[in-house]
Every structure is written in structure tokens, then in C-alpha cells.
């Protein structure tokens, strides 16, 4: 069962686990690319960098999943895209806290919130990113 198969505002632990696994996978891929692009000075430095990136992304996934689900429950509006904005914004605030930068946190909050909002809107309205061209 996938993330979109679980009704919004229910099974918060399961949805959080799925988003955490996705964040972990994205963190591992991102850290691999980063290690290739910017060579570490030692194997230990590379391991620390990869771990830092992966744990950060996993945490962002967990924050997103839990904030989105709890927001859907608290607001009694399970399918409202604003719940996804709240989850994305919460993840962005975490990035600001990690970098000790209010400007980074604010811009990440807005950027990730809007991205998550439109992802939910697109899912609800059936938007397609790929497929046959319209004639």
C-alpha cells in the first residue's frame, strides 16, 4: 500500500513511515551525487557527509508526513491541499533550524509548502507530468 492509497488524516504513523522511507531514499541518492561532485578529503568525511544529508532528508520526510496528517485531523479537512502546505512548511522550518538561518527557513517553508500544496492539487485534479501529447 502506498502513500496515496491511505485516506488523508488516517493512519498517521503509517503515512509518516512511508514519507520517512522516501526521504531516506532521496537523501541517499542526493548524498551519492554530492560525494561524486564534491570529493571528500577522507572516507570518514565522506561517511559523515552522506549520513548528515540522509538523516536530514529522512527527518524532513517524517516531519512532512506527521504534520500533514495531524493537520488534516486537527482541521477536520482531510483533503484540503492546505494540509500539504503546512507539512511542507514544517519541513522547511526544520531546514532553517538545521542551518541556523531564519531566511533559509522562511524561504524553504514557502518553497516546500507551495510545492506540496500544488502536488496535492495536481493529484486531486489528475494532472499528468508525462504522457501522450494532446492533439
Protein backbone atom coordinates (compact mmCIF):
# COMPACT_ATOMS: atom_id res chain seq x y z
CA UNK A 1 0.00 0.00 0.00
CA UNK A 2 1.38 3.41 -0.96
CA UNK A 3 1.13 6.90 0.49
CA UNK A 4 -1.74 7.95 -1.76
CA UNK A 5 -3.71 4.76 -1.02
CA UNK A 6 -4.21 5.69 2.65
CA UNK A 7 -7.05 8.16 3.28
CA UNK A 8 -5.87 11.60 4.40
CA UNK A 9 -5.95 12.19 8.14
CA UNK A 10 -5.84 8.49 9.00
CA UNK A 11 -3.02 6.07 9.84
CA UNK A 12 -0.60 8.90 10.66
CA UNK A 13 2.14 6.53 11.79
CA UNK A 14 1.95 4.52 8.56
CA UNK A 15 1.92 7.64 6.37
CA UNK A 16 4.82 9.09 8.34
CA UNK A 17 6.79 5.86 7.91
CA UNK A 18 6.23 5.91 4.15
CA UNK A 19 7.30 9.57 3.83
CA UNK A 20 10.32 8.88 6.04
CA UNK A 21 11.40 5.99 3.80
CA UNK A 22 11.01 8.20 0.72
CA UNK A 23 13.03 10.99 2.37
CA UNK A 24 15.73 8.48 3.29
CA UNK A 25 15.93 7.18 -0.28
CA UNK A 26 16.13 10.70 -1.69
CA UNK A 27 18.79 11.57 0.88
CA UNK A 28 20.89 8.55 -0.07
CA UNK A 29 20.68 9.35 -3.78
CA UNK A 30 21.39 13.03 -3.17
CA UNK A 31 24.35 12.31 -0.93
CA UNK A 32 25.79 9.89 -3.50
CA UNK A 33 25.64 12.59 -6.17
CA UNK A 34 27.12 15.12 -3.77
CA UNK A 35 30.02 12.81 -2.90
CA UNK A 36 30.80 12.34 -6.59
CA UNK A 37 30.52 16.05 -7.37
CA UNK A 38 32.49 17.25 -4.32
CA UNK A 39 35.15 14.73 -3.36
CA UNK A 40 35.61 14.37 0.42
CA UNK A 41 39.07 14.61 1.94
CA UNK A 42 38.77 11.19 3.59
CA UNK A 43 36.46 8.21 3.77
CA UNK A 44 35.33 9.31 7.24
CA UNK A 45 34.48 12.80 5.97
CA UNK A 46 32.50 11.24 3.13
CA UNK A 47 30.63 8.95 5.51
CA UNK A 48 29.80 11.86 7.81
CA UNK A 49 28.56 13.97 4.92
CA UNK A 50 26.43 11.16 3.49
CA UNK A 51 24.97 10.40 6.91
CA UNK A 52 24.21 14.07 7.57
CA UNK A 53 22.39 14.51 4.25
CA UNK A 54 20.48 11.23 4.53
CA UNK A 55 19.36 11.80 8.13
CA UNK A 56 18.29 15.35 7.30
CA UNK A 57 16.16 14.18 4.37
CA UNK A 58 14.68 11.31 6.40
CA UNK A 59 13.76 13.77 9.16
CA UNK A 60 12.17 16.11 6.64
CA UNK A 61 10.08 13.22 5.33
CA UNK A 62 8.98 12.32 8.84
CA UNK A 63 8.10 15.92 9.68
CA UNK A 64 6.14 16.29 6.44
CA UNK A 65 4.20 13.07 6.93
CA UNK A 66 3.29 13.73 10.54
CA UNK A 67 2.49 17.45 10.11
CA UNK A 68 0.30 16.79 7.07
CA UNK A 69 -1.63 14.00 8.77
CA UNK A 70 -2.07 15.80 12.09
CA UNK A 71 -3.13 18.97 10.29
CA UNK A 72 -5.79 17.00 8.39
CA UNK A 73 -7.09 15.61 11.68
CA UNK A 74 -6.98 18.88 13.62
CA UNK A 75 -8.63 20.95 10.90
CA UNK A 76 -11.34 18.38 10.09
CA UNK A 77 -10.48 18.94 6.42
CA UNK A 78 -8.69 15.79 5.32
CA UNK A 79 -8.49 16.53 1.59
CA UNK A 80 -7.63 20.22 1.84
CA UNK A 81 -4.35 20.97 -0.01
CA UNK A 82 -3.50 23.48 2.73
CA UNK A 83 -2.61 20.49 4.95
CA UNK A 84 0.18 19.72 2.50
CA UNK A 85 1.31 23.34 2.62
CA UNK A 86 1.54 23.02 6.41
CA UNK A 87 3.59 19.81 6.11
CA UNK A 88 5.94 21.32 3.52
CA UNK A 89 6.33 24.48 5.55
CA UNK A 90 7.14 22.48 8.68
CA UNK A 91 9.86 20.64 6.76
CA UNK A 92 11.22 23.98 5.54
CA UNK A 93 11.33 25.34 9.07
CA UNK A 94 13.40 22.30 10.04
CA UNK A 95 15.90 23.20 7.29
CA UNK A 96 16.10 26.71 8.73
CA UNK A 97 16.78 25.30 12.18
CA UNK A 98 19.47 22.97 10.80
CA UNK A 99 21.24 25.84 9.05
CA UNK A 100 20.64 28.33 11.91
CA UNK A 101 19.16 30.73 9.36
CA UNK A 102 15.75 32.39 9.58
CA UNK A 103 15.98 33.45 5.93
CA UNK A 104 16.68 29.89 4.81
CA UNK A 105 13.86 28.56 6.98
CA UNK A 106 11.39 31.13 5.70
CA UNK A 107 12.19 30.58 2.04
CA UNK A 108 12.28 26.79 2.46
CA UNK A 109 8.94 26.94 4.30
CA UNK A 110 7.33 28.88 1.46
CA UNK A 111 9.01 26.89 -1.31
CA UNK A 112 8.31 23.43 0.08
CA UNK A 113 4.84 24.46 1.23
CA UNK A 114 3.85 25.69 -2.23
CA UNK A 115 5.41 22.62 -3.88
CA UNK A 116 3.47 20.28 -1.57
CA UNK A 117 0.26 22.29 -2.00
CA UNK A 118 0.39 22.03 -5.78
CA UNK A 119 1.37 18.38 -5.61
CA UNK A 120 -1.85 17.68 -3.70
CA UNK A 121 -3.90 19.89 -6.04
CA UNK A 122 -2.40 18.08 -9.03
CA UNK A 123 -3.19 14.70 -7.51
CA UNK A 124 -6.78 15.74 -6.78
CA UNK A 125 -7.33 17.14 -10.28
CA UNK A 126 -5.49 14.38 -12.13
CA UNK A 127 -2.65 16.47 -13.55
CA UNK A 128 -0.16 14.49 -15.63
CA UNK A 129 3.51 15.32 -15.97
CA UNK A 130 4.11 12.70 -18.63
CA UNK A 131 2.04 11.01 -21.25
CA UNK A 132 0.91 11.33 -24.81
CA UNK A 133 0.71 14.86 -26.21
CA UNK A 134 -2.72 16.42 -26.54
CA UNK A 135 -3.80 16.97 -30.13
